[in-house]
Amino acid sequence: MEIKIKSSYTGKEQRSGKYKDIREAVEKNKMNLTWANLTGADLKNIQNYSQNHQIAFEIIKRQKRDYFTQKEWSVIGEISIHLPCWNTIIKKYGKTAISICKKLAKLGFNEYYDTIKKERIK
């Protein structure tokens, strides 16, 4: 697929080309997705996405408000501000974090739930 990567500050195209998916474009160009605007991006075929909170927030942002409970939204908000590692997320948010990841898995993004299960076992 043709992917164009633009600067969020200037709007100018920084990279473009044919890639299998967004992940491949990011890896080949060594891009940092922190603060990336992924609006309109097709996120269904990416892999190893659980290590990037920004992708989770984009998926979450696309859901109806009532998809998550008020408590889940509070945790999502805290995670979006502090960007903790998975180990901290499990320790601090426990069952609520698991609930959020289960809902993401229902949307087809199983990697978050798989990652949180692995962290619980450690």
PDB file of N, CA and C in Angstrom:
ATOM      1  N   MET A   1       0.830  -1.178   0.000  1.00  0.00           N
ATOM      2  CA  MET A   1       0.000   0.000   0.000  1.00  0.00           C
ATOM      3  C   MET A   1       0.876   1.243   0.000  1.00  0.00           C
ATOM      4  N   GLU A   2       0.377   2.287  -0.558  1.00  0.00           N
ATOM      5  CA  GLU A   2       1.098   3.563  -0.591  1.00  0.00           C
ATOM      6  C   GLU A   2       0.881   4.270   0.740  1.00  0.00           C
ATOM      7  N   ILE A   3       1.969   4.609   1.421  1.00  0.00           N
ATOM      8  CA  ILE A   3       1.888   5.291   2.713  1.00  0.00           C
ATOM      9  C   ILE A   3       2.676   6.582   2.632  1.00  0.00           C
ATOM     10  N   LYS A   4       2.039   7.663   3.109  1.00  0.00           N
ATOM     11  CA  LYS A   4       2.698   8.967   3.159  1.00  0.00           C
ATOM     12  C   LYS A   4       2.802   9.375   4.618  1.00  0.00           C
ATOM     13  N   ILE A   5       3.994   9.750   5.041  1.00  0.00           N
ATOM     14  CA  ILE A   5       4.225  10.184   6.414  1.00  0.00           C
ATOM     15  C   ILE A   5       4.505  11.674   6.372  1.00  0.00           C
ATOM     16  N   LYS A   6       3.639  12.429   7.087  1.00  0.00           N
ATOM     17  CA  LYS A   6       3.751  13.887   7.085  1.00  0.00           C
ATOM     18  C   LYS A   6       4.140  14.386   8.465  1.00  0.00           C
ATOM     19  N   SER A   7       4.796  15.517   8.485  1.00  0.00           N
ATOM     20  CA  SER A   7       5.147  16.163   9.744  1.00  0.00           C
ATOM     21  C   SER A   7       3.877  16.687  10.405  1.00  0.00           C
ATOM     22  N   SER A   8       3.716  16.410  11.701  1.00  0.00           N
ATOM     23  CA  SER A   8       2.540  16.916  12.406  1.00  0.00           C
ATOM     24  C   SER A   8       2.646  18.417  12.655  1.00  0.00           C
ATOM     25  N   TYR A   9       3.851  18.953  12.542  1.00  0.00           N
ATOM     26  CA  TYR A   9       4.051  20.384  12.771  1.00  0.00           C
ATOM     27  C   TYR A   9       3.873  21.199  11.509  1.00  0.00           C
ATOM     28  N   THR A  10       4.467  20.742  10.411  1.00  0.00           N
ATOM     29  CA  THR A  10       4.428  21.527   9.179  1.00  0.00           C
ATOM     30  C   THR A  10       3.408  21.022   8.173  1.00  0.00           C
ATOM     31  N   GLY A  11       2.999  19.753   8.319  1.00  0.00           N
ATOM     32  CA  GLY A  11       2.078  19.163   7.356  1.00  0.00           C
ATOM     33  C   GLY A  11       2.773  18.705   6.083  1.00  0.00           C
ATOM     34  N   LYS A  12       4.080  18.933   5.999  1.00  0.00           N
ATOM     35  CA  LYS A  12       4.835  18.547   4.798  1.00  0.00           C
ATOM     36  C   LYS A  12       5.140  17.057   4.838  1.00  0.00           C
ATOM     37  N   GLU A  13       5.118  16.458   3.662  1.00  0.00           N
ATOM     38  CA  GLU A  13       5.434  15.035   3.522  1.00  0.00           C
ATOM     39  C   GLU A  13       6.913  14.809   3.807  1.00  0.00           C
ATOM     40  N   GLN A  14       7.190  13.860   4.715  1.00  0.00           N
ATOM     41  CA  GLN A  14       8.574  13.553   5.057  1.00  0.00           C
ATOM     42  C   GLN A  14       9.060  12.279   4.381  1.00  0.00           C
ATOM     43  N   ARG A  15       8.176  11.304   4.255  1.00  0.00           N
ATOM     44  CA  ARG A  15       8.505  10.032   3.623  1.00  0.00           C
ATOM     45  C   ARG A  15       7.261   9.534   2.889  1.00  0.00           C
ATOM     46  N   SER A  16       7.470   8.787   1.841  1.00  0.00           N
ATOM     47  CA  SER A  16       6.364   8.112   1.179  1.00  0.00           C
ATOM     48  C   SER A  16       6.925   6.909   0.439  1.00  0.00           C
ATOM     49  N   GLY A  17       6.055   5.971   0.186  1.00  0.00           N
ATOM     50  CA  GLY A  17       6.483   4.789  -0.541  1.00  0.00           C
ATOM     51  C   GLY A  17       5.500   3.660  -0.394  1.00  0.00           C
ATOM     52  N   LYS A  18       5.800   2.550  -1.003  1.00  0.00           N
ATOM     53  CA  LYS A  18       4.942   1.364  -0.928  1.00  0.00           C
ATOM     54  C   LYS A  18       5.470   0.459   0.180  1.00  0.00           C
ATOM     55  N   TYR A  19       4.579   0.150   1.113  1.00  0.00           N
ATOM     56  CA  TYR A  19       4.918  -0.690   2.252  1.00  0.00           C
ATOM     57  C   TYR A  19       3.795  -1.682   2.482  1.00  0.00           C
ATOM     58  N   LYS A  20       4.134  -2.783   3.162  1.00  0.00           N
ATOM     59  CA  LYS A  20       3.133  -3.793   3.506  1.00  0.00           C
ATOM     60  C   LYS A  20       2.100  -3.203   4.478  1.00  0.00           C
ATOM     61  N   ASP A  21       2.568  -2.403   5.444  1.00  0.00           N
ATOM     62  CA  ASP A  21       1.695  -1.798   6.443  1.00  0.00           C
ATOM     63  C   ASP A  21       2.430  -0.640   7.110  1.00  0.00           C
ATOM     64  N   ILE A  22       1.777   0.007   8.057  1.00  0.00           N
ATOM     65  CA  ILE A  22       2.367   1.151   8.742  1.00  0.00           C
ATOM     66  C   ILE A  22       3.624   0.740   9.498  1.00  0.00           C
ATOM     67  N   ARG A  23       3.565  -0.422  10.127  1.00  0.00           N
ATOM     68  CA  ARG A  23       4.723  -0.890  10.886  1.00  0.00           C
ATOM     69  C   ARG A  23       5.966  -0.957  10.013  1.00  0.00           C
ATOM     70  N   GLU A  24       5.823  -1.528   8.819  1.00  0.00           N
ATOM     71  CA  GLU A  24       6.969  -1.640   7.923  1.00  0.00           C
ATOM     72  C   GLU A  24       7.498  -0.250   7.557  1.00  0.00           C
ATOM     73  N   ALA A  25       6.600   0.684   7.298  1.00  0.00           N
ATOM     74  CA  ALA A  25       7.017   2.050   6.955  1.00  0.00           C
ATOM     75  C   ALA A  25       7.788   2.688   8.103  1.00  0.00           C
ATOM     76  N   VAL A  26       7.290   2.496   9.320  1.00  0.00           N
ATOM     77  CA  VAL A  26       7.944   3.065  10.499  1.00  0.00           C
ATOM     78  C   VAL A  26       9.313   2.429  10.716  1.00  0.00           C
ATOM     79  N   GLU A  27       9.373   1.102  10.631  1.00  0.00           N
ATOM     80  CA  GLU A  27      10.642   0.398  10.871  1.00  0.00           C
ATOM     81  C   GLU A  27      11.692   0.743   9.826  1.00  0.00           C
ATOM     82  N   LYS A  28      11.302   0.776   8.575  1.00  0.00           N
ATOM     83  CA  LYS A  28      12.278   1.037   7.510  1.00  0.00           C
ATOM     84  C   LYS A  28      12.786   2.476   7.551  1.00  0.00           C
ATOM     85  N   ASN A  29      11.977   3.383   8.059  1.00  0.00           N
ATOM     86  CA  ASN A  29      12.360   4.787   8.110  1.00  0.00           C
ATOM     87  C   ASN A  29      12.778   5.222   9.508  1.00  0.00           C
ATOM     88  N   LYS A  30      12.804   4.265  10.475  1.00  0.00           N
ATOM     89  CA  LYS A  30      13.192   4.540  11.863  1.00  0.00           C
ATOM     90  C   LYS A  30      12.430   5.740  12.424  1.00  0.00           C
ATOM     91  N   MET A  31      11.127   5.730  12.215  1.00  0.00           N
ATOM     92  CA  MET A  31      10.276   6.831  12.665  1.00  0.00           C
ATOM     93  C   MET A  31       9.836   6.608  14.110  1.00  0.00           C
ATOM     94  N   ASN A  32       9.609   7.667  14.828  1.00  0.00           N
ATOM     95  CA  ASN A  32       9.082   7.634  16.186  1.00  0.00           C
ATOM     96  C   ASN A  32       7.621   8.069  16.117  1.00  0.00           C
ATOM     97  N   LEU A  33       6.702   7.202  16.558  1.00  0.00           N
ATOM     98  CA  LEU A  33       5.276   7.523  16.475  1.00  0.00           C
ATOM     99  C   LEU A  33       4.733   8.282  17.676  1.00  0.00           C
ATOM    100  N   THR A  34       5.601   8.669  18.593  1.00  0.00           N
ATOM    101  CA  THR A  34       5.127   9.457  19.721  1.00  0.00           C
ATOM    102  C   THR A  34       4.497  10.730  19.186  1.00  0.00           C
ATOM    103  N   TRP A  35       3.287  10.984  19.613  1.00  0.00           N
ATOM    104  CA  TRP A  35       2.483  12.143  19.211  1.00  0.00           C
ATOM    105  C   TRP A  35       2.001  12.049  17.764  1.00  0.00           C
ATOM    106  N   ALA A  36       2.114  10.886  17.159  1.00  0.00           N
ATOM    107  CA  ALA A  36       1.655  10.721  15.775  1.00  0.00           C
ATOM    108  C   ALA A  36       0.133  10.786  15.718  1.00  0.00           C
ATOM    109  N   ASN A  37      -0.375  11.399  14.679  1.00  0.00           N
ATOM    110  CA  ASN A  37      -1.815  11.434  14.432  1.00  0.00           C
ATOM    111  C   ASN A  37      -2.117  10.293  13.461  1.00  0.00           C
ATOM    112  N   LEU A  38      -2.771   9.249  13.967  1.00  0.00           N
ATOM    113  CA  LEU A  38      -3.061   8.081  13.147  1.00  0.00           C
ATOM    114  C   LEU A  38      -4.498   8.073  12.631  1.00  0.00           C
ATOM    115  N   THR A  39      -5.141   9.217  12.673  1.00  0.00           N
ATOM    116  CA  THR A  39      -6.511   9.326  12.196  1.00  0.00           C
ATOM    117  C   THR A  39      -6.591   8.830  10.758  1.00  0.00           C
ATOM    118  N   GLY A  40      -7.522   7.919  10.517  1.00  0.00           N
ATOM    119  CA  GLY A  40      -7.730   7.387   9.180  1.00  0.00           C
ATOM    120  C   GLY A  40      -6.798   6.243   8.809  1.00  0.00           C
ATOM    121  N   ALA A  41      -5.839   5.935   9.659  1.00  0.00           N
ATOM    122  CA  ALA A  41      -4.899   4.841   9.358  1.00  0.00           C
ATOM    123  C   ALA A  41      -5.586   3.496   9.552  1.00  0.00           C
ATOM    124  N   ASP A  42      -5.304   2.553   8.663  1.00  0.00           N
ATOM    125  CA  ASP A  42      -5.821   1.194   8.793  1.00  0.00           C
ATOM    126  C   ASP A  42      -4.884   0.445   9.722  1.00  0.00           C
ATOM    127  N   LEU A  43      -5.350   0.152  10.928  1.00  0.00           N
ATOM    128  CA  LEU A  43      -4.505  -0.453  11.945  1.00  0.00           C
ATOM    129  C   LEU A  43      -4.687  -1.961  12.058  1.00  0.00           C
ATOM    130  N   LYS A  44      -5.509  -2.557  11.219  1.00  0.00           N
ATOM    131  CA  LYS A  44      -5.860  -3.968  11.368  1.00  0.00           C
ATOM    132  C   LYS A  44      -4.712  -4.940  11.127  1.00  0.00           C
ATOM    133  N   ASN A  45      -3.759  -4.643  10.278  1.00  0.00           N
ATOM    134  CA  ASN A  45      -2.733  -5.622   9.912  1.00  0.00           C
ATOM    135  C   ASN A  45      -1.375  -5.379  10.546  1.00  0.00           C
ATOM    136  N   ILE A  46      -1.286  -4.465  11.499  1.00  0.00           N
ATOM    137  CA  ILE A  46       0.009  -4.210  12.109  1.00  0.00           C
ATOM    138  C   ILE A  46       0.328  -5.284  13.146  1.00  0.00           C
ATOM    139  N   GLN A  47       1.606  -5.469  13.421  1.00  0.00           N
ATOM    140  CA  GLN A  47       2.054  -6.458  14.404  1.00  0.00           C
ATOM    141  C   GLN A  47       2.979  -5.779  15.401  1.00  0.00           C
ATOM    142  N   ASN A  48       3.129  -6.399  16.564  1.00  0.00           N
ATOM    143  CA  ASN A  48       3.982  -5.860  17.630  1.00  0.00           C
ATOM    144  C   ASN A  48       3.569  -4.449  18.031  1.00  0.00           C
ATOM    145  N   TYR A  49       2.301  -4.182  17.956  1.00  0.00           N
ATOM    146  CA  TYR A  49       1.804  -2.850  18.253  1.00  0.00           C
ATOM    147  C   TYR A  49       1.603  -2.602  19.745  1.00  0.00           C
ATOM    148  N   SER A  50       1.639  -3.660  20.550  1.00  0.00           N
ATOM    149  CA  SER A  50       1.337  -3.491  21.972  1.00  0.00           C
ATOM    150  C   SER A  50       2.395  -2.674  22.712  1.00  0.00           C
ATOM    151  N   GLN A  51       3.534  -2.460  22.108  1.00  0.00           N
ATOM    152  CA  GLN A  51       4.582  -1.666  22.758  1.00  0.00           C
ATOM    153  C   GLN A  51       4.460  -0.180  22.453  1.00  0.00           C
ATOM    154  N   ASN A  52       3.430   0.204  21.728  1.00  0.00           N
ATOM    155  CA  ASN A  52       3.222   1.608  21.395  1.00  0.00           C
ATOM    156  C   ASN A  52       1.856   2.048  21.905  1.00  0.00           C
ATOM    157  N   HIS A  53       1.844   2.814  22.968  1.00  0.00           N
ATOM    158  CA  HIS A  53       0.580   3.273  23.553  1.00  0.00           C
ATOM    159  C   HIS A  53      -0.233   4.126  22.577  1.00  0.00           C
ATOM    160  N   GLN A  54       0.440   4.856  21.707  1.00  0.00           N
ATOM    161  CA  GLN A  54      -0.273   5.750  20.793  1.00  0.00           C
ATOM    162  C   GLN A  54      -1.232   4.983  19.884  1.00  0.00           C
ATOM    163  N   ILE A  55      -0.842   3.784  19.488  1.00  0.00           N
ATOM    164  CA  ILE A  55      -1.721   2.971  18.650  1.00  0.00           C
ATOM    165  C   ILE A  55      -2.947   2.557  19.450  1.00  0.00           C
ATOM    166  N   ALA A  56      -2.746   2.167  20.711  1.00  0.00           N
ATOM    167  CA  ALA A  56      -3.886   1.809  21.568  1.00  0.00           C
ATOM    168  C   ALA A  56      -4.834   2.989  21.708  1.00  0.00           C
ATOM    169  N   PHE A  57      -4.287   4.173  21.926  1.00  0.00           N
ATOM    170  CA  PHE A  57      -5.145   5.347  22.100  1.00  0.00           C
ATOM    171  C   PHE A  57      -5.935   5.659  20.837  1.00  0.00           C
ATOM    172  N   GLU A  58      -5.329   5.435  19.686  1.00  0.00           N
ATOM    173  CA  GLU A  58      -6.047   5.667  18.421  1.00  0.00           C
ATOM    174  C   GLU A  58      -7.200   4.677  18.283  1.00  0.00           C
ATOM    175  N   ILE A  59      -6.959   3.418  18.613  1.00  0.00           N
ATOM    176  CA  ILE A  59      -8.018   2.403  18.551  1.00  0.00           C
ATOM    177  C   ILE A  59      -9.128   2.766  19.522  1.00  0.00           C
ATOM    178  N   ILE A  60      -8.758   3.129  20.732  1.00  0.00           N
ATOM    179  CA  ILE A  60      -9.731   3.504  21.767  1.00  0.00           C
ATOM    180  C   ILE A  60     -10.527   4.718  21.332  1.00  0.00           C
ATOM    181  N   LYS A  61      -9.851   5.702  20.782  1.00  0.00           N
ATOM    182  CA  LYS A  61     -10.496   6.945  20.355  1.00  0.00           C
ATOM    183  C   LYS A  61     -11.590   6.698  19.307  1.00  0.00           C
ATOM    184  N   ARG A  62     -11.439   5.645  18.535  1.00  0.00           N
ATOM    185  CA  ARG A  62     -12.392   5.345  17.466  1.00  0.00           C
ATOM    186  C   ARG A  62     -13.655   4.642  17.967  1.00  0.00           C
ATOM    187  N   GLN A  63     -13.712   4.307  19.249  1.00  0.00           N
ATOM    188  CA  GLN A  63     -14.876   3.594  19.796  1.00  0.00           C
ATOM    189  C   GLN A  63     -15.900   4.581  20.342  1.00  0.00           C
ATOM    190  N   LYS A  64     -17.131   4.111  20.431  1.00  0.00           N
ATOM    191  CA  LYS A  64     -18.184   4.931  21.031  1.00  0.00           C
ATOM    192  C   LYS A  64     -17.869   5.109  22.512  1.00  0.00           C
ATOM    193  N   ARG A  65     -18.302   6.205  23.061  1.00  0.00           N
ATOM    194  CA  ARG A  65     -17.993   6.540  24.450  1.00  0.00           C
ATOM    195  C   ARG A  65     -18.424   5.457  25.426  1.00  0.00           C
ATOM    196  N   ASP A  66     -19.563   4.830  25.157  1.00  0.00           N
ATOM    197  CA  ASP A  66     -20.075   3.836  26.101  1.00  0.00           C
ATOM    198  C   ASP A  66     -19.447   2.451  25.928  1.00  0.00           C
ATOM    199  N   TYR A  67     -18.485   2.304  25.016  1.00  0.00           N
ATOM    200  CA  TYR A  67     -17.796   1.021  24.863  1.00  0.00           C
ATOM    201  C   TYR A  67     -16.965   0.713  26.110  1.00  0.00           C
ATOM    202  N   PHE A  68     -16.430   1.757  26.720  1.00  0.00           N
ATOM    203  CA  PHE A  68     -15.655   1.616  27.950  1.00  0.00           C
ATOM    204  C   PHE A  68     -16.441   2.218  29.111  1.00  0.00           C
ATOM    205  N   THR A  69     -16.243   1.653  30.302  1.00  0.00           N
ATOM    206  CA  THR A  69     -16.900   2.179  31.502  1.00  0.00           C
ATOM    207  C   THR A  69     -16.203   3.464  31.933  1.00  0.00           C
ATOM    208  N   GLN A  70     -16.831   4.172  32.860  1.00  0.00           N
ATOM    209  CA  GLN A  70     -16.227   5.401  33.379  1.00  0.00           C
ATOM    210  C   GLN A  70     -14.879   5.106  34.049  1.00  0.00           C
ATOM    211  N   LYS A  71     -14.830   4.006  34.788  1.00  0.00           N
ATOM    212  CA  LYS A  71     -13.576   3.623  35.452  1.00  0.00           C
ATOM    213  C   LYS A  71     -12.493   3.316  34.413  1.00  0.00           C
ATOM    214  N   GLU A  72     -12.878   2.611  33.332  1.00  0.00           N
ATOM    215  CA  GLU A  72     -11.911   2.305  32.273  1.00  0.00           C
ATOM    216  C   GLU A  72     -11.410   3.591  31.619  1.00  0.00           C
ATOM    217  N   TRP A  73     -12.323   4.538  31.365  1.00  0.00           N
ATOM    218  CA  TRP A  73     -11.907   5.815  30.779  1.00  0.00           C
ATOM    219  C   TRP A  73     -10.935   6.548  31.687  1.00  0.00           C
ATOM    220  N   SER A  74     -11.150   6.457  32.997  1.00  0.00           N
ATOM    221  CA  SER A  74     -10.231   7.102  33.942  1.00  0.00           C
ATOM    222  C   SER A  74      -8.834   6.498  33.844  1.00  0.00           C
ATOM    223  N   VAL A  75      -8.769   5.172  33.775  1.00  0.00           N
ATOM    224  CA  VAL A  75      -7.478   4.491  33.647  1.00  0.00           C
ATOM    225  C   VAL A  75      -6.833   4.830  32.308  1.00  0.00           C
ATOM    226  N   ILE A  76      -7.622   4.820  31.247  1.00  0.00           N
ATOM    227  CA  ILE A  76      -7.100   5.187  29.924  1.00  0.00           C
ATOM    228  C   ILE A  76      -6.500   6.591  29.975  1.00  0.00           C
ATOM    229  N   GLY A  77      -7.194   7.504  30.636  1.00  0.00           N
ATOM    230  CA  GLY A  77      -6.688   8.875  30.770  1.00  0.00           C
ATOM    231  C   GLY A  77      -5.368   8.934  31.516  1.00  0.00           C
ATOM    232  N   GLU A  78      -5.273   8.208  32.628  1.00  0.00           N
ATOM    233  CA  GLU A  78      -4.025   8.193  33.402  1.00  0.00           C
ATOM    234  C   GLU A  78      -2.877   7.594  32.588  1.00  0.00           C
ATOM    235  N   ILE A  79      -3.162   6.498  31.896  1.00  0.00           N
ATOM    236  CA  ILE A  79      -2.118   5.866  31.079  1.00  0.00           C
ATOM    237  C   ILE A  79      -1.670   6.813  29.967  1.00  0.00           C
ATOM    238  N   SER A  80      -2.613   7.541  29.384  1.00  0.00           N
ATOM    239  CA  SER A  80      -2.264   8.451  28.284  1.00  0.00           C
ATOM    240  C   SER A  80      -1.380   9.603  28.751  1.00  0.00           C
ATOM    241  N   ILE A  81      -1.479   9.952  30.018  1.00  0.00           N
ATOM    242  CA  ILE A  81      -0.656  11.046  30.553  1.00  0.00           C
ATOM    243  C   ILE A  81       0.720  10.544  30.970  1.00  0.00           C
ATOM    244  N   HIS A  82       0.763   9.408  31.662  1.00  0.00           N
ATOM    245  CA  HIS A  82       2.010   8.939  32.252  1.00  0.00           C
ATOM    246  C   HIS A  82       2.782   7.929  31.397  1.00  0.00           C
ATOM    247  N   LEU A  83       2.106   7.267  30.438  1.00  0.00           N
ATOM    248  CA  LEU A  83       2.726   6.292  29.537  1.00  0.00           C
ATOM    249  C   LEU A  83       3.608   5.271  30.269  1.00  0.00           C
ATOM    250  N   PRO A  84       3.034   4.581  31.261  1.00  0.00           N
ATOM    251  CA  PRO A  84       3.826   3.600  32.020  1.00  0.00           C
ATOM    252  C   PRO A  84       4.090   2.331  31.213  1.00  0.00           C
ATOM    253  N   CYS A  85       5.039   1.530  31.700  1.00  0.00           N
ATOM    254  CA  CYS A  85       5.331   0.240  31.079  1.00  0.00           C
ATOM    255  C   CYS A  85       4.227  -0.750  31.465  1.00  0.00           C
ATOM    256  N   TRP A  86       4.196  -1.905  30.794  1.00  0.00           N
ATOM    257  CA  TRP A  86       3.161  -2.911  31.059  1.00  0.00           C
ATOM    258  C   TRP A  86       3.185  -3.389  32.505  1.00  0.00           C
ATOM    259  N   ASN A  87       4.358  -3.566  33.061  1.00  0.00           N
ATOM    260  CA  ASN A  87       4.472  -4.029  34.430  1.00  0.00           C
ATOM    261  C   ASN A  87       3.783  -3.053  35.391  1.00  0.00           C
ATOM    262  N   THR A  88       3.993  -1.775  35.195  1.00  0.00           N
ATOM    263  CA  THR A  88       3.356  -0.755  36.028  1.00  0.00           C
ATOM    264  C   THR A  88       1.851  -0.727  35.804  1.00  0.00           C
ATOM    265  N   ILE A  89       1.428  -0.886  34.571  1.00  0.00           N
ATOM    266  CA  ILE A  89      -0.002  -0.898  34.266  1.00  0.00           C
ATOM    267  C   ILE A  89      -0.692  -2.027  35.028  1.00  0.00           C
ATOM    268  N   ILE A  90      -0.100  -3.209  35.005  1.00  0.00           N
ATOM    269  CA  ILE A  90      -0.666  -4.361  35.720  1.00  0.00           C
ATOM    270  C   ILE A  90      -0.717  -4.099  37.221  1.00  0.00           C
ATOM    271  N   LYS A  91       0.402  -3.629  37.777  1.00  0.00           N
ATOM    272  CA  LYS A  91       0.466  -3.400  39.228  1.00  0.00           C
ATOM    273  C   LYS A  91      -0.508  -2.325  39.684  1.00  0.00           C
ATOM    274  N   LYS A  92      -0.610  -1.248  38.938  1.00  0.00           N
ATOM    275  CA  LYS A  92      -1.416  -0.112  39.374  1.00  0.00           C
ATOM    276  C   LYS A  92      -2.895  -0.228  39.022  1.00  0.00           C
ATOM    277  N   TYR A  93      -3.209  -0.812  37.859  1.00  0.00           N
ATOM    278  CA  TYR A  93      -4.589  -0.784  37.367  1.00  0.00           C
ATOM    279  C   TYR A  93      -5.254  -2.157  37.299  1.00  0.00           C
ATOM    280  N   GLY A  94      -4.483  -3.227  37.475  1.00  0.00           N
ATOM    281  CA  GLY A  94      -4.981  -4.592  37.581  1.00  0.00           C
ATOM    282  C   GLY A  94      -6.165  -4.966  36.712  1.00  0.00           C
ATOM    283  N   LYS A  95      -7.292  -5.286  37.369  1.00  0.00           N
ATOM    284  CA  LYS A  95      -8.478  -5.804  36.681  1.00  0.00           C
ATOM    285  C   LYS A  95      -9.037  -4.818  35.657  1.00  0.00           C
ATOM    286  N   THR A  96      -8.940  -3.544  35.927  1.00  0.00           N
ATOM    287  CA  THR A  96      -9.463  -2.557  34.978  1.00  0.00           C
ATOM    288  C   THR A  96      -8.627  -2.562  33.695  1.00  0.00           C
ATOM    289  N   ALA A  97      -7.316  -2.665  33.834  1.00  0.00           N
ATOM    290  CA  ALA A  97      -6.442  -2.743  32.651  1.00  0.00           C
ATOM    291  C   ALA A  97      -6.732  -4.003  31.850  1.00  0.00           C
ATOM    292  N   ILE A  98      -6.958  -5.097  32.553  1.00  0.00           N
ATOM    293  CA  ILE A  98      -7.289  -6.357  31.877  1.00  0.00           C
ATOM    294  C   ILE A  98      -8.603  -6.218  31.119  1.00  0.00           C
ATOM    295  N   SER A  99      -9.576  -5.579  31.743  1.00  0.00           N
ATOM    296  CA  SER A  99     -10.879  -5.364  31.103  1.00  0.00           C
ATOM    297  C   SER A  99     -10.734  -4.537  29.819  1.00  0.00           C
ATOM    298  N   ILE A 100      -9.924  -3.501  29.867  1.00  0.00           N
ATOM    299  CA  ILE A 100      -9.682  -2.665  28.680  1.00  0.00           C
ATOM    300  C   ILE A 100      -9.048  -3.508  27.570  1.00  0.00           C
ATOM    301  N   CYS A 101      -8.053  -4.305  27.938  1.00  0.00           N
ATOM    302  CA  CYS A 101      -7.357  -5.139  26.945  1.00  0.00           C
ATOM    303  C   CYS A 101      -8.272  -6.208  26.354  1.00  0.00           C
ATOM    304  N   LYS A 102      -9.179  -6.747  27.166  1.00  0.00           N
ATOM    305  CA  LYS A 102     -10.152  -7.715  26.643  1.00  0.00           C
ATOM    306  C   LYS A 102     -11.054  -7.055  25.607  1.00  0.00           C
ATOM    307  N   LYS A 103     -11.445  -5.821  25.874  1.00  0.00           N
ATOM    308  CA  LYS A 103     -12.301  -5.105  24.915  1.00  0.00           C
ATOM    309  C   LYS A 103     -11.539  -4.802  23.632  1.00  0.00           C
ATOM    310  N   LEU A 104     -10.264  -4.482  23.748  1.00  0.00           N
ATOM    311  CA  LEU A 104      -9.455  -4.268  22.544  1.00  0.00           C
ATOM    312  C   LEU A 104      -9.323  -5.570  21.760  1.00  0.00           C
ATOM    313  N   ALA A 105      -9.199  -6.690  22.471  1.00  0.00           N
ATOM    314  CA  ALA A 105      -9.122  -8.003  21.810  1.00  0.00           C
ATOM    315  C   ALA A 105     -10.410  -8.299  21.050  1.00  0.00           C
ATOM    316  N   LYS A 106     -11.559  -7.929  21.617  1.00  0.00           N
ATOM    317  CA  LYS A 106     -12.838  -8.126  20.926  1.00  0.00           C
ATOM    318  C   LYS A 106     -12.896  -7.346  19.623  1.00  0.00           C
ATOM    319  N   LEU A 107     -12.132  -6.264  19.555  1.00  0.00           N
ATOM    320  CA  LEU A 107     -12.078  -5.450  18.337  1.00  0.00           C
ATOM    321  C   LEU A 107     -11.069  -5.996  17.322  1.00  0.00           C
ATOM    322  N   GLY A 108     -10.370  -7.079  17.705  1.00  0.00           N
ATOM    323  CA  GLY A 108      -9.406  -7.693  16.794  1.00  0.00           C
ATOM    324  C   GLY A 108      -7.966  -7.376  17.129  1.00  0.00           C
ATOM    325  N   PHE A 109      -7.726  -6.690  18.236  1.00  0.00           N
ATOM    326  CA  PHE A 109      -6.373  -6.322  18.635  1.00  0.00           C
ATOM    327  C   PHE A 109      -5.971  -7.151  19.855  1.00  0.00           C
ATOM    328  N   ASN A 110      -5.725  -8.425  19.613  1.00  0.00           N
ATOM    329  CA  ASN A 110      -5.442  -9.397  20.676  1.00  0.00           C
ATOM    330  C   ASN A 110      -4.093  -9.176  21.354  1.00  0.00           C
ATOM    331  N   GLU A 111      -3.183  -8.537  20.684  1.00  0.00           N
ATOM    332  CA  GLU A 111      -1.828  -8.411  21.213  1.00  0.00           C
ATOM    333  C   GLU A 111      -1.793  -7.708  22.573  1.00  0.00           C
ATOM    334  N   TYR A 112      -2.714  -6.763  22.787  1.00  0.00           N
ATOM    335  CA  TYR A 112      -2.744  -6.072  24.092  1.00  0.00           C
ATOM    336  C   TYR A 112      -3.113  -7.051  25.201  1.00  0.00           C
ATOM    337  N   TYR A 113      -4.123  -7.869  24.967  1.00  0.00           N
ATOM    338  CA  TYR A 113      -4.541  -8.842  25.976  1.00  0.00           C
ATOM    339  C   TYR A 113      -3.469  -9.904  26.186  1.00  0.00           C
ATOM    340  N   ASP A 114      -2.857 -10.366  25.113  1.00  0.00           N
ATOM    341  CA  ASP A 114      -1.787 -11.357  25.232  1.00  0.00           C
ATOM    342  C   ASP A 114      -0.614 -10.799  26.038  1.00  0.00           C
ATOM    343  N   THR A 115      -0.275  -9.549  25.795  1.00  0.00           N
ATOM    344  CA  THR A 115       0.841  -8.913  26.505  1.00  0.00           C
ATOM    345  C   THR A 115       0.527  -8.750  27.984  1.00  0.00           C
ATOM    346  N   ILE A 116      -0.678  -8.326  28.291  1.00  0.00           N
ATOM    347  CA  ILE A 116      -1.033  -8.112  29.701  1.00  0.00           C
ATOM    348  C   ILE A 116      -1.106  -9.442  30.449  1.00  0.00           C
ATOM    349  N   LYS A 117      -1.523 -10.512  29.766  1.00  0.00           N
ATOM    350  CA  LYS A 117      -1.526 -11.846  30.399  1.00  0.00           C
ATOM    351  C   LYS A 117      -0.099 -12.278  30.709  1.00  0.00           C
ATOM    352  N   LYS A 118       0.827 -12.060  29.785  1.00  0.00           N
ATOM    353  CA  LYS A 118       2.236 -12.430  29.994  1.00  0.00           C
ATOM    354  C   LYS A 118       2.818 -11.664  31.179  1.00  0.00           C
ATOM    355  N   GLU A 119       2.489 -10.381  31.281  1.00  0.00           N
ATOM    356  CA  GLU A 119       3.014  -9.549  32.378  1.00  0.00           C
ATOM    357  C   GLU A 119       2.471 -10.016  33.724  1.00  0.00           C
ATOM    358  N   ARG A 120       1.242 -10.482  33.748  1.00  0.00           N
ATOM    359  CA  ARG A 120       0.653 -10.973  35.017  1.00  0.00           C
ATOM    360  C   ARG A 120       1.365 -12.214  35.506  1.00  0.00           C
ATOM    361  N   ILE A 121       1.867 -13.027  34.588  1.00  0.00           N
ATOM    362  CA  ILE A 121       2.527 -14.276  34.946  1.00  0.00           C
ATOM    363  C   ILE A 121       3.910 -14.027  35.555  1.00  0.00           C
ATOM    364  N   LYS A 122       4.573 -12.968  35.132  1.00  0.00           N
ATOM    365  CA  LYS A 122       5.952 -12.676  35.597  1.00  0.00           C
ATOM    366  C   LYS A 122       6.005 -12.467  37.094  1.00  0.00           C
TER     367      LYS A 122
END
